[in-house]
């Protein structure tokens, strides 16, 4: 699916509050389900929906999307959200023009960074510094222990950023500040 066609479909979805099944089959066999909030020339910010519940916000690259679906299954989910009163937390209000501005906007929050094309690298923690082609990231492990050293991650390798969500919010409550 061409990026321009994807962007036009997502703009329609933003206007109509559609949920989409998002496929990124070049590296992920699982679908993402979400309601688009913002789309730029390169990125999509959407409310991630999982098992009929809001599960944080995700930002993915448009170039990784191989297909979008909005059919009777997604319409059925939309009806459930409405009848169940399911809404999402306050929507992040920042530019999704480029990866550097996205990461700058998230510096005060714990986030999840995924580099799915590079052995499914997964980082959870905080952005520390932004450079020309990469950024430093202080991460904590699965038991909430902060690492001593920061990781350097290239902007071009980031395929998904998660802001908020059940897992991230819960583990962050039990992690000490670095």
C-alpha atoms as a PDB file:
ATOM      1  CA  UNK A   1       0.000   0.000   0.000  1.00  0.00           C
ATOM      2  CA  UNK A   2       1.485   3.370  -1.005  1.00  0.00           C
ATOM      3  CA  UNK A   3       2.275   5.811   1.803  1.00  0.00           C
ATOM      4  CA  UNK A   4       0.103   8.555   0.321  1.00  0.00           C
ATOM      5  CA  UNK A   5      -2.878   6.192   0.116  1.00  0.00           C
ATOM      6  CA  UNK A   6      -2.264   5.125   3.723  1.00  0.00           C
ATOM      7  CA  UNK A   7      -2.067   8.739   4.878  1.00  0.00           C
ATOM      8  CA  UNK A   8      -5.329   9.660   3.098  1.00  0.00           C
ATOM      9  CA  UNK A   9      -7.130   6.675   4.623  1.00  0.00           C
ATOM     10  CA  UNK A  10      -5.836   7.563   8.100  1.00  0.00           C
ATOM     11  CA  UNK A  11      -6.955  11.185   7.687  1.00  0.00           C
ATOM     12  CA  UNK A  12     -10.424   9.862   6.898  1.00  0.00           C
ATOM     13  CA  UNK A  13     -10.188   7.676  10.014  1.00  0.00           C
ATOM     14  CA  UNK A  14      -9.195  10.639  12.192  1.00  0.00           C
ATOM     15  CA  UNK A  15     -12.178  12.618  10.949  1.00  0.00           C
ATOM     16  CA  UNK A  16     -14.599   9.712  11.518  1.00  0.00           C
ATOM     17  CA  UNK A  17     -12.932   8.204  14.640  1.00  0.00           C
ATOM     18  CA  UNK A  18     -12.500   4.837  12.921  1.00  0.00           C
ATOM     19  CA  UNK A  19     -10.580   1.957  14.397  1.00  0.00           C
ATOM     20  CA  UNK A  20      -8.163   0.190  12.054  1.00  0.00           C
ATOM     21  CA  UNK A  21      -6.430  -3.130  11.976  1.00  0.00           C
ATOM     22  CA  UNK A  22      -2.864  -2.148  11.091  1.00  0.00           C
ATOM     23  CA  UNK A  23      -0.589  -4.667   9.435  1.00  0.00           C
ATOM     24  CA  UNK A  24       3.184  -4.294   9.324  1.00  0.00           C
ATOM     25  CA  UNK A  25       4.103  -7.683   7.945  1.00  0.00           C
ATOM     26  CA  UNK A  26       7.685  -6.884   6.979  1.00  0.00           C
ATOM     27  CA  UNK A  27       8.701  -7.638  10.582  1.00  0.00           C
ATOM     28  CA  UNK A  28       5.609  -8.197  12.735  1.00  0.00           C
ATOM     29  CA  UNK A  29       3.132 -11.050  12.333  1.00  0.00           C
ATOM     30  CA  UNK A  30       0.737  -9.490  14.835  1.00  0.00           C
ATOM     31  CA  UNK A  31      -1.777  -6.822  13.953  1.00  0.00           C
ATOM     32  CA  UNK A  32      -2.081  -3.568  15.844  1.00  0.00           C
ATOM     33  CA  UNK A  33      -5.551  -2.182  16.475  1.00  0.00           C
ATOM     34  CA  UNK A  34      -6.033   1.494  17.009  1.00  0.00           C
ATOM     35  CA  UNK A  35      -7.845   4.737  16.482  1.00  0.00           C
ATOM     36  CA  UNK A  36      -5.694   7.271  14.591  1.00  0.00           C
ATOM     37  CA  UNK A  37      -5.171  10.627  16.265  1.00  0.00           C
ATOM     38  CA  UNK A  38      -2.495  12.358  14.169  1.00  0.00           C
ATOM     39  CA  UNK A  39      -0.747  11.538  10.941  1.00  0.00           C
ATOM     40  CA  UNK A  40       2.260  13.288   9.402  1.00  0.00           C
ATOM     41  CA  UNK A  41       4.255  12.603   6.276  1.00  0.00           C
ATOM     42  CA  UNK A  42       6.199   9.902   8.152  1.00  0.00           C
ATOM     43  CA  UNK A  43       4.395   8.914  11.360  1.00  0.00           C
ATOM     44  CA  UNK A  44       1.075   7.832  12.814  1.00  0.00           C
ATOM     45  CA  UNK A  45       0.040   8.525  16.422  1.00  0.00           C
ATOM     46  CA  UNK A  46      -2.861   6.321  17.484  1.00  0.00           C
ATOM     47  CA  UNK A  47      -4.756   5.142  20.553  1.00  0.00           C
ATOM     48  CA  UNK A  48      -3.804   1.482  20.866  1.00  0.00           C
ATOM     49  CA  UNK A  49      -6.808  -0.722  21.560  1.00  0.00           C
ATOM     50  CA  UNK A  50      -6.406  -4.233  22.961  1.00  0.00           C
ATOM     51  CA  UNK A  51      -9.239  -6.604  23.955  1.00  0.00           C
ATOM     52  CA  UNK A  52     -11.769  -3.747  23.759  1.00  0.00           C
ATOM     53  CA  UNK A  53      -9.701  -1.583  26.107  1.00  0.00           C
ATOM     54  CA  UNK A  54      -7.519   1.468  25.626  1.00  0.00           C
ATOM     55  CA  UNK A  55      -3.860   0.467  26.092  1.00  0.00           C
ATOM     56  CA  UNK A  56      -1.817   3.632  25.645  1.00  0.00           C
ATOM     57  CA  UNK A  57      -0.627   5.535  22.621  1.00  0.00           C
ATOM     58  CA  UNK A  58       1.696   4.277  19.926  1.00  0.00           C
ATOM     59  CA  UNK A  59       3.654   6.031  17.228  1.00  0.00           C
ATOM     60  CA  UNK A  60       4.708   4.006  14.198  1.00  0.00           C
ATOM     61  CA  UNK A  61       6.297   4.791  10.853  1.00  0.00           C
ATOM     62  CA  UNK A  62       3.968   5.001   7.866  1.00  0.00           C
ATOM     63  CA  UNK A  63       6.561   3.295   5.674  1.00  0.00           C
ATOM     64  CA  UNK A  64       6.177   0.109   7.765  1.00  0.00           C
ATOM     65  CA  UNK A  65       2.401  -0.162   7.294  1.00  0.00           C
ATOM     66  CA  UNK A  66       1.580  -2.781   4.675  1.00  0.00           C
ATOM     67  CA  UNK A  67      -2.216  -2.646   4.993  1.00  0.00           C
ATOM     68  CA  UNK A  68      -5.077  -1.040   6.874  1.00  0.00           C
ATOM     69  CA  UNK A  69      -8.489  -2.534   7.444  1.00  0.00           C
ATOM     70  CA  UNK A  70     -11.698  -0.901   8.600  1.00  0.00           C
ATOM     71  CA  UNK A  71     -14.599  -3.259   8.044  1.00  0.00           C
ATOM     72  CA  UNK A  72     -17.474  -4.752  10.035  1.00  0.00           C
ATOM     73  CA  UNK A  73     -15.138  -6.136  12.741  1.00  0.00           C
ATOM     74  CA  UNK A  74     -13.644  -2.712  13.438  1.00  0.00           C
ATOM     75  CA  UNK A  75     -17.113  -1.111  13.292  1.00  0.00           C
ATOM     76  CA  UNK A  76     -18.318  -3.692  15.816  1.00  0.00           C
ATOM     77  CA  UNK A  77     -15.425  -2.781  18.144  1.00  0.00           C
ATOM     78  CA  UNK A  78     -16.284   0.927  17.769  1.00  0.00           C
ATOM     79  CA  UNK A  79     -19.868   0.162  18.816  1.00  0.00           C
ATOM     80  CA  UNK A  80     -18.585  -1.700  21.900  1.00  0.00           C
ATOM     81  CA  UNK A  81     -16.350   1.257  22.879  1.00  0.00           C
ATOM     82  CA  UNK A  82     -19.303   3.597  22.618  1.00  0.00           C
ATOM     83  CA  UNK A  83     -21.716   1.398  24.589  1.00  0.00           C
ATOM     84  CA  UNK A  84     -19.102   0.574  27.241  1.00  0.00           C
ATOM     85  CA  UNK A  85     -18.033   4.227  27.560  1.00  0.00           C
ATOM     86  CA  UNK A  86     -14.434   3.388  26.702  1.00  0.00           C
ATOM     87  CA  UNK A  87     -12.338   6.491  26.201  1.00  0.00           C
ATOM     88  CA  UNK A  88      -8.632   7.224  26.297  1.00  0.00           C
ATOM     89  CA  UNK A  89      -6.556   9.352  28.609  1.00  0.00           C
ATOM     90  CA  UNK A  90      -5.544  12.849  27.623  1.00  0.00           C
ATOM     91  CA  UNK A  91      -4.134  12.769  24.122  1.00  0.00           C
ATOM     92  CA  UNK A  92      -0.441  13.649  23.801  1.00  0.00           C
ATOM     93  CA  UNK A  93      -0.236  17.048  22.143  1.00  0.00           C
ATOM     94  CA  UNK A  94       3.065  17.188  20.324  1.00  0.00           C
ATOM     95  CA  UNK A  95       4.462  17.298  16.853  1.00  0.00           C
ATOM     96  CA  UNK A  96       4.951  14.022  15.022  1.00  0.00           C
ATOM     97  CA  UNK A  97       6.815  15.726  12.198  1.00  0.00           C
ATOM     98  CA  UNK A  98      10.075  13.856  12.828  1.00  0.00           C
ATOM     99  CA  UNK A  99      11.468  11.308  15.270  1.00  0.00           C
ATOM    100  CA  UNK A 100      13.659  13.856  17.058  1.00  0.00           C
ATOM    101  CA  UNK A 101      10.690  16.115  17.903  1.00  0.00           C
ATOM    102  CA  UNK A 102       8.679  13.099  19.062  1.00  0.00           C
ATOM    103  CA  UNK A 103      11.447  11.976  21.406  1.00  0.00           C
ATOM    104  CA  UNK A 104      11.999  15.529  22.679  1.00  0.00           C
ATOM    105  CA  UNK A 105       8.294  15.652  23.594  1.00  0.00           C
ATOM    106  CA  UNK A 106       8.544  12.436  25.607  1.00  0.00           C
ATOM    107  CA  UNK A 107      11.697  13.256  27.622  1.00  0.00           C
ATOM    108  CA  UNK A 108       9.843  13.605  30.926  1.00  0.00           C
ATOM    109  CA  UNK A 109       8.031  10.269  30.651  1.00  0.00           C
ATOM    110  CA  UNK A 110       8.909   6.614  30.685  1.00  0.00           C
ATOM    111  CA  UNK A 111       8.349   5.203  27.200  1.00  0.00           C
ATOM    112  CA  UNK A 112       8.941   1.995  25.276  1.00  0.00           C
ATOM    113  CA  UNK A 113      11.177   2.107  22.215  1.00  0.00           C
ATOM    114  CA  UNK A 114      11.066  -0.765  19.737  1.00  0.00           C
ATOM    115  CA  UNK A 115      13.571  -1.425  16.970  1.00  0.00           C
ATOM    116  CA  UNK A 116      11.770  -4.352  15.396  1.00  0.00           C
ATOM    117  CA  UNK A 117      13.951  -4.675  12.326  1.00  0.00           C
ATOM    118  CA  UNK A 118      17.049  -5.172  14.528  1.00  0.00           C
ATOM    119  CA  UNK A 119      16.450  -8.436  16.366  1.00  0.00           C
ATOM    120  CA  UNK A 120      13.314  -7.043  17.998  1.00  0.00           C
ATOM    121  CA  UNK A 121      15.250  -4.721  20.307  1.00  0.00           C
ATOM    122  CA  UNK A 122      13.013  -3.424  23.091  1.00  0.00           C
ATOM    123  CA  UNK A 123      13.946  -0.589  25.463  1.00  0.00           C
ATOM    124  CA  UNK A 124      11.907   0.772  28.358  1.00  0.00           C
ATOM    125  CA  UNK A 125      12.954   3.921  30.170  1.00  0.00           C
ATOM    126  CA  UNK A 126      13.648   7.596  29.436  1.00  0.00           C
ATOM    127  CA  UNK A 127      15.234   9.641  26.694  1.00  0.00           C
ATOM    128  CA  UNK A 128      18.344  11.380  28.079  1.00  0.00           C
ATOM    129  CA  UNK A 129      19.977  13.303  25.209  1.00  0.00           C
ATOM    130  CA  UNK A 130      19.242  13.863  21.543  1.00  0.00           C
ATOM    131  CA  UNK A 131      22.036  14.054  18.966  1.00  0.00           C
ATOM    132  CA  UNK A 132      22.155  14.410  15.170  1.00  0.00           C
ATOM    133  CA  UNK A 133      21.558  10.772  14.185  1.00  0.00           C
ATOM    134  CA  UNK A 134      20.968   9.006  17.490  1.00  0.00           C
ATOM    135  CA  UNK A 135      19.809   9.493  21.068  1.00  0.00           C
ATOM    136  CA  UNK A 136      20.838   8.216  24.470  1.00  0.00           C
ATOM    137  CA  UNK A 137      18.291   6.237  26.440  1.00  0.00           C
ATOM    138  CA  UNK A 138      18.411   5.196  30.088  1.00  0.00           C
ATOM    139  CA  UNK A 139      16.564   1.933  30.491  1.00  0.00           C
ATOM    140  CA  UNK A 140      15.342  -0.222  33.315  1.00  0.00           C
ATOM    141  CA  UNK A 141      14.890  -3.976  33.291  1.00  0.00           C
ATOM    142  CA  UNK A 142      11.904  -6.241  33.961  1.00  0.00           C
ATOM    143  CA  UNK A 143      12.287  -5.849  37.724  1.00  0.00           C
ATOM    144  CA  UNK A 144      12.492  -2.056  37.637  1.00  0.00           C
ATOM    145  CA  UNK A 145      16.253  -1.715  38.068  1.00  0.00           C
ATOM    146  CA  UNK A 146      17.791   1.184  36.143  1.00  0.00           C
ATOM    147  CA  UNK A 147      20.905   0.398  34.136  1.00  0.00           C
ATOM    148  CA  UNK A 148      24.105   2.249  34.976  1.00  0.00           C
ATOM    149  CA  UNK A 149      24.903   3.229  31.377  1.00  0.00           C
ATOM    150  CA  UNK A 150      22.728   4.683  28.660  1.00  0.00           C
ATOM    151  CA  UNK A 151      22.081   2.947  25.352  1.00  0.00           C
ATOM    152  CA  UNK A 152      22.698   4.774  22.075  1.00  0.00           C
ATOM    153  CA  UNK A 153      19.864   4.213  19.615  1.00  0.00           C
ATOM    154  CA  UNK A 154      19.830   5.412  16.015  1.00  0.00           C
ATOM    155  CA  UNK A 155      16.711   7.351  15.018  1.00  0.00           C
ATOM    156  CA  UNK A 156      16.416   5.332  11.803  1.00  0.00           C
ATOM    157  CA  UNK A 157      16.114   2.085  13.780  1.00  0.00           C
ATOM    158  CA  UNK A 158      13.057   3.113  15.846  1.00  0.00           C
ATOM    159  CA  UNK A 159       9.899   1.442  14.522  1.00  0.00           C
ATOM    160  CA  UNK A 160       7.482   1.987  17.415  1.00  0.00           C
ATOM    161  CA  UNK A 161       7.198   4.257  20.455  1.00  0.00           C
ATOM    162  CA  UNK A 162       4.712   3.479  23.209  1.00  0.00           C
ATOM    163  CA  UNK A 163       3.508   6.211  25.542  1.00  0.00           C
ATOM    164  CA  UNK A 164       1.413   5.159  28.527  1.00  0.00           C
ATOM    165  CA  UNK A 165      -0.487   1.854  28.539  1.00  0.00           C
ATOM    166  CA  UNK A 166      -1.192  -0.742  31.211  1.00  0.00           C
ATOM    167  CA  UNK A 167       2.231  -2.444  31.256  1.00  0.00           C
ATOM    168  CA  UNK A 168       4.247   0.773  31.101  1.00  0.00           C
ATOM    169  CA  UNK A 169       2.140   2.631  33.667  1.00  0.00           C
ATOM    170  CA  UNK A 170       2.128  -0.274  36.111  1.00  0.00           C
ATOM    171  CA  UNK A 171       5.854  -1.070  36.047  1.00  0.00           C
ATOM    172  CA  UNK A 172       6.718   2.645  36.165  1.00  0.00           C
ATOM    173  CA  UNK A 173       4.860   2.971  39.508  1.00  0.00           C
ATOM    174  CA  UNK A 174       7.273   0.496  41.083  1.00  0.00           C
ATOM    175  CA  UNK A 175      10.482   1.746  39.518  1.00  0.00           C
ATOM    176  CA  UNK A 176      12.601   4.212  41.456  1.00  0.00           C
ATOM    177  CA  UNK A 177      13.734   7.369  39.705  1.00  0.00           C
ATOM    178  CA  UNK A 178      17.252   6.966  38.301  1.00  0.00           C
END
